Amino acid sequence: MENKLIVTAAPHLHAHQSTARIMWSVSLALLPAGAAGVYLFGYAALAVIVTAVAAALATEWLLQKMTRRQVTLLDGSAFLTGLLLAYNLPSGVPLWMPAVGSFFAIAVGKQIFGGLGQNIFNPALAARAFLMASWPAYMTSFRAPGFDAVASATPLSALKEGHLRQVYSYLDLFLGNKGGCIGEVCVAGLLAGAVFLFLKGYITWHIPVSYLLTAGILHYVFGPSGLFSGDWLFYLFSGGLVLGAFYMATDYVTSPLTAKGQLIYGAGCGLLTVVIRLWGGYPEGTCYAILMMNAVSPFIDRYTRGRIYGTGKMR
């Protein structure tokens, strides 16, 4: 009788997921927020998105050709990096900025470390920080939805400057009727995509919930309205908090592996975001908070890793 028992090396469980499937699924989940951004800010927003994505793909192809490595454009990682960078830019920036930012994201944020899976920091956020440090005037000039060339303060910057928060209703904040970056303004679109990612199992609740919960509590306790009277919902719906919590803090490469580590990581992101927002000179802190937690993610993994099967308790 034929022996049908085949013994091979571990692992023995096979999942139908792949890097390409995950990357393209996340890009698909981001489409509602992107469509809302184009609807609110017009074709200028679409031009920024197309330029950022095209530059990211071109940079990845060029560097992989130059280094004689396999071209991996079809895995979707470069496309997603360009898309996330565009979502973190105002719609009125000159088109050379998303091109430069995407080059930085792929060349410095990703390929210089060895490519996908080797990078320390989220490439899109690293590029956003680079652009913010280099051309802050462009990065803090926002258009109001429905107008082509009207400068508009974001809700967070308006509050930072001492203006009343009542000029924005919760519905405005939820639907995106406010100044801000292309992909962050429509919370409804971001949450719709996040539900899709949860249902597909591509992200878990640990990082987003711990991030948003920590930020909400701290905003409530220490908000400018007074102790234990901060408008936490206003803060959660403003800026890039929702975009960061569901789509960038959850990056597989730069976030911890264990559930316990992810809870610590998300809480750290929430804490740093609030510290920068309330006491820093910059009204938004999501980008820098996630980048700083990217740096400590390996240490979180080290001290939250589980016991190896068949061994004693880790010390």
Protein backbone atom coordinates (compact mmCIF):
# COMPACT_ATOMS: atom_id res chain seq x y z
CA MET A 1 0.00 0.00 0.00
CA GLU A 2 1.26 3.46 -0.87
CA ASN A 3 2.50 5.44 2.12
CA LYS A 4 0.62 8.74 2.17
CA LEU A 5 2.27 10.04 5.34
CA ILE A 6 4.73 12.76 4.38
CA VAL A 7 6.96 14.32 7.02
CA THR A 8 8.36 17.79 6.30
CA ALA A 9 9.88 20.65 8.28
CA ALA A 10 7.65 23.05 10.17
CA PRO A 11 5.45 24.99 9.84
CA HIS A 12 2.66 22.53 9.04
CA LEU A 13 -0.25 24.98 9.02
CA HIS A 14 -0.90 26.87 5.82
CA ALA A 15 -2.81 30.14 5.59
CA HIS A 16 -4.23 31.44 2.34
CA GLN A 17 -2.83 34.91 3.05
CA SER A 18 0.14 36.45 1.29
CA THR A 19 1.97 39.75 1.42
CA ALA A 20 0.40 40.82 -1.85
CA ARG A 21 -3.13 39.90 -0.73
CA ILE A 22 -2.75 41.85 2.51
CA MET A 23 -1.19 44.93 0.90
CA TRP A 24 -3.80 45.19 -1.83
CA SER A 25 -6.60 44.57 0.68
CA VAL A 26 -5.38 47.44 2.87
CA SER A 27 -5.20 49.65 -0.22
CA LEU A 28 -8.76 48.63 -1.05
CA ALA A 29 -9.86 49.47 2.49
CA LEU A 30 -8.39 52.96 2.08
CA LEU A 31 -10.41 53.73 -1.04
CA PRO A 32 -13.51 55.15 0.73
CA ALA A 33 -11.41 57.71 2.62
CA GLY A 34 -9.51 58.59 -0.55
CA ALA A 35 -12.69 58.97 -2.57
CA ALA A 36 -14.07 61.25 0.13
CA GLY A 37 -10.88 63.31 0.06
CA VAL A 38 -11.12 63.76 -3.72
CA TYR A 39 -14.81 64.68 -3.41
CA LEU A 40 -14.09 67.24 -0.70
CA PHE A 41 -10.90 68.80 -2.08
CA GLY A 42 -11.32 68.27 -5.82
CA TYR A 43 -8.98 67.08 -8.54
CA ALA A 44 -5.96 68.59 -6.78
CA ALA A 45 -6.25 65.80 -4.20
CA LEU A 46 -6.44 63.16 -6.92
CA ALA A 47 -3.32 64.61 -8.56
CA VAL A 48 -1.42 64.36 -5.27
CA ILE A 49 -2.49 60.72 -4.81
CA VAL A 50 -1.57 59.71 -8.37
CA THR A 51 1.81 61.47 -8.16
CA ALA A 52 2.73 59.92 -4.81
CA VAL A 53 1.78 56.40 -5.91
CA ALA A 54 3.50 56.70 -9.30
CA ALA A 55 6.69 58.04 -7.70
CA ALA A 56 6.72 55.25 -5.12
CA LEU A 57 6.33 52.58 -7.80
CA ALA A 58 8.98 54.16 -10.03
CA THR A 59 11.46 54.47 -7.16
CA GLU A 60 10.98 50.86 -6.08
CA TRP A 61 11.41 49.60 -9.65
CA LEU A 62 14.51 51.73 -10.26
CA LEU A 63 16.27 50.77 -7.01
CA GLN A 64 15.53 47.08 -7.41
CA LYS A 65 16.82 47.18 -10.99
CA MET A 66 19.96 49.06 -9.93
CA THR A 67 20.70 46.58 -7.14
CA ARG A 68 19.81 43.59 -9.34
CA ARG A 69 17.13 42.36 -7.02
CA GLN A 70 13.78 40.90 -7.95
CA VAL A 71 11.24 43.57 -8.88
CA THR A 72 8.33 43.25 -6.45
CA LEU A 73 5.91 45.95 -7.57
CA LEU A 74 3.05 43.46 -7.72
CA ASP A 75 3.21 42.77 -3.97
CA GLY A 76 1.46 46.12 -3.42
CA SER A 77 3.79 47.44 -0.71
CA ALA A 78 5.15 50.36 -2.77
CA PHE A 79 1.64 51.23 -3.95
CA LEU A 80 0.40 51.26 -0.34
CA THR A 81 3.34 53.38 0.81
CA GLY A 82 2.63 56.00 -1.84
CA LEU A 83 -1.08 55.94 -1.04
CA LEU A 84 -0.53 56.42 2.70
CA LEU A 85 1.91 59.25 2.08
CA ALA A 86 -0.60 61.02 -0.15
CA TYR A 87 -3.26 60.62 2.51
CA ASN A 88 -0.94 62.43 4.94
CA LEU A 89 -0.50 65.47 2.68
CA PRO A 90 -2.65 68.57 2.16
CA SER A 91 -4.35 68.72 -1.21
CA GLY A 92 -2.71 72.03 -2.10
CA VAL A 93 0.94 70.97 -2.00
CA PRO A 94 2.92 71.34 -5.25
CA LEU A 95 3.19 68.01 -7.05
CA TRP A 96 6.95 67.79 -6.66
CA MET A 97 6.41 67.30 -2.92
CA PRO A 98 4.58 63.94 -3.09
CA ALA A 99 7.17 62.84 -5.67
CA VAL A 100 10.07 63.76 -3.38
CA GLY A 101 8.28 62.29 -0.38
CA SER A 102 7.65 58.98 -2.12
CA PHE A 103 11.28 58.77 -3.21
CA PHE A 104 12.35 59.31 0.41
CA ALA A 105 9.81 56.78 1.69
CA ILE A 106 10.98 54.00 -0.63
CA ALA A 107 14.69 54.78 -0.88
CA VAL A 108 15.44 55.87 2.70
CA GLY A 109 12.51 54.49 4.65
CA LYS A 110 12.43 51.04 3.06
CA GLN A 111 15.09 49.95 0.56
CA ILE A 112 18.09 51.23 2.50
CA PHE A 113 17.19 48.76 5.25
CA GLY A 114 16.95 45.87 2.81
CA GLY A 115 13.40 46.14 1.50
CA LEU A 116 10.02 45.01 2.73
CA GLY A 117 10.09 43.48 6.19
CA GLN A 118 13.44 44.99 7.17
CA ASN A 119 12.52 48.65 7.71
CA ILE A 120 12.55 50.04 11.23
CA PHE A 121 10.12 52.91 10.69
CA ASN A 122 6.89 53.19 8.76
CA PRO A 123 8.13 54.51 5.38
CA ALA A 124 5.13 56.76 4.68
CA LEU A 125 5.33 58.41 8.10
CA ALA A 126 9.10 58.79 7.84
CA ALA A 127 8.57 60.61 4.55
CA ARG A 128 5.86 62.80 6.06
CA ALA A 129 8.20 63.78 8.90
CA PHE A 130 10.91 64.56 6.33
CA LEU A 131 8.59 66.78 4.31
CA MET A 132 7.32 68.49 7.46
CA ALA A 133 10.86 69.30 8.58
CA SER A 134 11.91 70.48 5.12
CA TRP A 135 8.88 72.45 3.88
CA PRO A 136 6.63 73.19 6.89
CA ALA A 137 4.82 76.07 5.18
CA TYR A 138 3.45 73.78 2.47
CA MET A 139 2.67 71.01 4.95
CA THR A 140 0.58 73.27 7.19
CA SER A 141 -1.39 75.06 4.47
CA PHE A 142 -4.78 73.43 4.03
CA ARG A 143 -7.71 73.99 1.71
CA ALA A 144 -11.28 74.15 2.90
CA PRO A 145 -13.58 71.48 1.44
CA GLY A 146 -15.51 72.80 -1.54
CA PHE A 147 -13.00 75.53 -2.37
CA ASP A 148 -10.01 75.37 -4.70
CA ALA A 149 -7.70 77.89 -3.08
CA VAL A 150 -9.01 78.93 0.31
CA ALA A 151 -6.67 78.43 3.24
CA SER A 152 -8.31 76.71 6.17
CA ALA A 153 -7.09 75.83 9.63
CA THR A 154 -7.56 72.27 10.81
CA PRO A 155 -9.75 71.76 13.89
CA LEU A 156 -6.67 71.01 16.00
CA SER A 157 -4.74 74.07 14.82
CA ALA A 158 -7.79 76.28 15.37
CA LEU A 159 -8.10 75.00 18.92
CA LYS A 160 -4.34 75.42 19.43
CA GLU A 161 -4.66 79.06 18.44
CA GLY A 162 -7.43 79.62 20.97
CA HIS A 163 -10.47 79.56 18.70
CA LEU A 164 -13.67 77.92 19.87
CA ARG A 165 -14.18 74.30 18.95
CA GLN A 166 -17.91 74.84 18.35
CA VAL A 167 -17.27 75.96 14.76
CA TYR A 168 -17.06 72.25 13.94
CA SER A 169 -19.93 69.91 14.68
CA TYR A 170 -19.34 66.24 15.34
CA LEU A 171 -21.03 65.50 12.03
CA ASP A 172 -18.59 67.81 10.23
CA LEU A 173 -15.68 66.01 11.86
CA PHE A 174 -17.12 62.58 11.08
CA LEU A 175 -17.90 63.25 7.41
CA GLY A 176 -14.83 65.35 6.65
CA ASN A 177 -16.23 68.86 6.36
CA LYS A 178 -13.04 70.41 7.75
CA GLY A 179 -9.53 71.35 6.79
CA GLY A 180 -6.90 68.64 6.91
CA CYS A 181 -4.88 66.14 4.93
CA ILE A 182 -6.46 64.28 2.04
CA GLY A 183 -7.00 60.89 3.65
CA GLU A 184 -7.54 61.82 7.27
CA VAL A 185 -10.56 64.11 7.14
CA CYS A 186 -13.36 61.58 6.48
CA VAL A 187 -13.57 59.45 9.62
CA ALA A 188 -16.60 57.62 8.23
CA GLY A 189 -14.60 56.37 5.25
CA LEU A 190 -11.68 55.32 7.43
CA LEU A 191 -13.93 53.37 9.79
CA ALA A 192 -15.68 51.64 6.89
CA GLY A 193 -12.33 50.40 5.63
CA ALA A 194 -11.27 49.40 9.13
CA VAL A 195 -14.36 47.21 9.50
CA PHE A 196 -13.37 45.43 6.30
CA LEU A 197 -9.85 44.80 7.64
CA PHE A 198 -11.24 43.44 10.92
CA LEU A 199 -13.62 41.10 9.13
CA LYS A 200 -10.81 39.80 6.92
CA GLY A 201 -8.57 39.29 9.95
CA TYR A 202 -5.80 41.54 8.62
CA ILE A 203 -5.73 43.64 11.79
CA THR A 204 -6.74 42.91 15.37
CA TRP A 205 -8.29 45.20 17.93
CA HIS A 206 -5.28 45.45 20.22
CA ILE A 207 -3.41 48.42 18.72
CA PRO A 208 -6.34 50.55 17.47
CA VAL A 209 -8.41 50.15 20.63
CA SER A 210 -5.53 50.73 23.05
CA TYR A 211 -4.40 53.71 20.95
CA LEU A 212 -7.81 55.39 20.73
CA LEU A 213 -8.80 54.52 24.30
CA THR A 214 -5.59 55.94 25.77
CA ALA A 215 -5.80 59.08 23.63
CA GLY A 216 -9.49 59.57 24.45
CA ILE A 217 -9.00 59.22 28.21
CA LEU A 218 -5.98 61.53 28.29
CA HIS A 219 -7.70 64.13 26.13
CA TYR A 220 -10.67 64.01 28.48
CA VAL A 221 -8.55 64.35 31.60
CA PHE A 222 -6.06 66.96 30.40
CA GLY A 223 -7.97 68.74 27.60
CA PRO A 224 -7.83 72.55 27.51
CA SER A 225 -11.40 72.88 28.78
CA GLY A 226 -10.20 71.92 32.23
CA LEU A 227 -9.38 68.86 34.28
CA PHE A 228 -11.72 65.96 33.45
CA SER A 229 -13.68 68.05 30.97
CA GLY A 230 -11.78 67.77 27.69
CA ASP A 231 -13.86 67.09 24.58
CA TRP A 232 -12.37 63.67 23.87
CA LEU A 233 -14.62 62.91 20.90
CA PHE A 234 -13.58 66.15 19.20
CA TYR A 235 -9.95 65.14 19.55
CA LEU A 236 -10.49 61.57 18.33
CA PHE A 237 -12.29 62.77 15.19
CA SER A 238 -9.71 65.48 14.45
CA GLY A 239 -6.36 65.17 12.75
CA GLY A 240 -4.82 61.88 11.71
CA LEU A 241 -5.65 59.87 14.82
CA VAL A 242 -8.11 57.45 13.19
CA LEU A 243 -5.95 57.05 10.07
CA GLY A 244 -2.90 56.38 12.22
CA ALA A 245 -4.59 54.02 14.66
CA PHE A 246 -6.10 51.66 12.07
CA TYR A 247 -3.77 51.88 9.08
CA MET A 248 -0.27 52.90 10.15
CA ALA A 249 0.24 51.91 13.77
CA THR A 250 -0.93 48.41 12.78
CA ASP A 251 1.84 47.98 10.19
CA TYR A 252 3.07 44.39 10.57
CA VAL A 253 6.76 45.23 10.14
CA THR A 254 7.05 48.10 12.62
CA SER A 255 4.62 46.99 15.36
CA PRO A 256 5.04 44.32 18.07
CA LEU A 257 4.16 40.68 17.41
CA THR A 258 2.43 39.69 20.65
CA ALA A 259 -1.01 40.80 21.80
CA LYS A 260 0.40 42.10 25.07
CA GLY A 261 3.08 44.00 23.22
CA GLN A 262 0.52 45.50 20.86
CA LEU A 263 -1.53 46.80 23.78
CA ILE A 264 1.56 48.48 25.23
CA TYR A 265 2.51 49.82 21.82
CA GLY A 266 -0.95 51.28 21.15
CA ALA A 267 -1.10 52.87 24.60
CA GLY A 268 2.33 54.40 24.03
CA CYS A 269 1.16 55.86 20.72
CA GLY A 270 -1.88 57.35 22.42
CA LEU A 271 0.18 58.84 25.25
CA LEU A 272 2.75 60.44 22.95
CA THR A 273 0.06 61.78 20.60
CA VAL A 274 -1.68 63.59 23.45
CA VAL A 275 1.57 64.95 24.91
CA ILE A 276 2.55 66.44 21.53
CA ARG A 277 -0.93 67.79 20.85
CA LEU A 278 -1.55 69.42 24.21
CA TRP A 279 1.91 70.54 25.28
CA GLY A 280 4.00 70.53 22.10
CA GLY A 281 4.33 73.32 19.60
CA TYR A 282 2.65 71.29 16.86
CA PRO A 283 -1.12 70.69 16.98
CA GLU A 284 -0.89 67.15 15.53
CA GLY A 285 1.17 64.37 17.08
CA THR A 286 0.07 61.14 15.42
CA CYS A 287 2.96 60.88 12.94
CA TYR A 288 5.73 61.46 15.47
CA ALA A 289 4.08 59.32 18.13
CA ILE A 290 3.94 56.28 15.84
CA LEU A 291 7.52 56.82 14.63
CA MET A 292 8.80 56.99 18.21
CA MET A 293 6.94 53.81 19.11
CA ASN A 294 8.34 52.16 15.95
CA ALA A 295 11.77 52.72 17.48
CA VAL A 296 10.90 50.90 20.72
CA SER A 297 8.84 48.14 19.11
CA PRO A 298 11.77 45.64 19.10
CA PHE A 299 12.28 46.22 22.83
CA ILE A 300 8.57 45.66 23.49
CA ASP A 301 8.81 42.38 21.58
CA ARG A 302 11.84 41.36 23.60
CA TYR A 303 10.09 41.77 26.94
CA THR A 304 6.65 40.49 25.98
CA ARG A 305 7.59 37.40 23.99
CA GLY A 306 5.96 34.18 25.10
CA ARG A 307 7.55 31.07 26.48
CA ILE A 308 9.04 28.82 23.83
CA TYR A 309 7.11 25.56 23.72
CA GLY A 310 8.84 22.86 25.73
CA THR A 311 11.13 25.21 27.64
CA GLY A 312 11.06 26.74 31.08
CA LYS A 313 9.75 30.17 31.95
CA MET A 314 11.53 32.99 30.13
CA ARG A 315 13.74 35.15 32.31
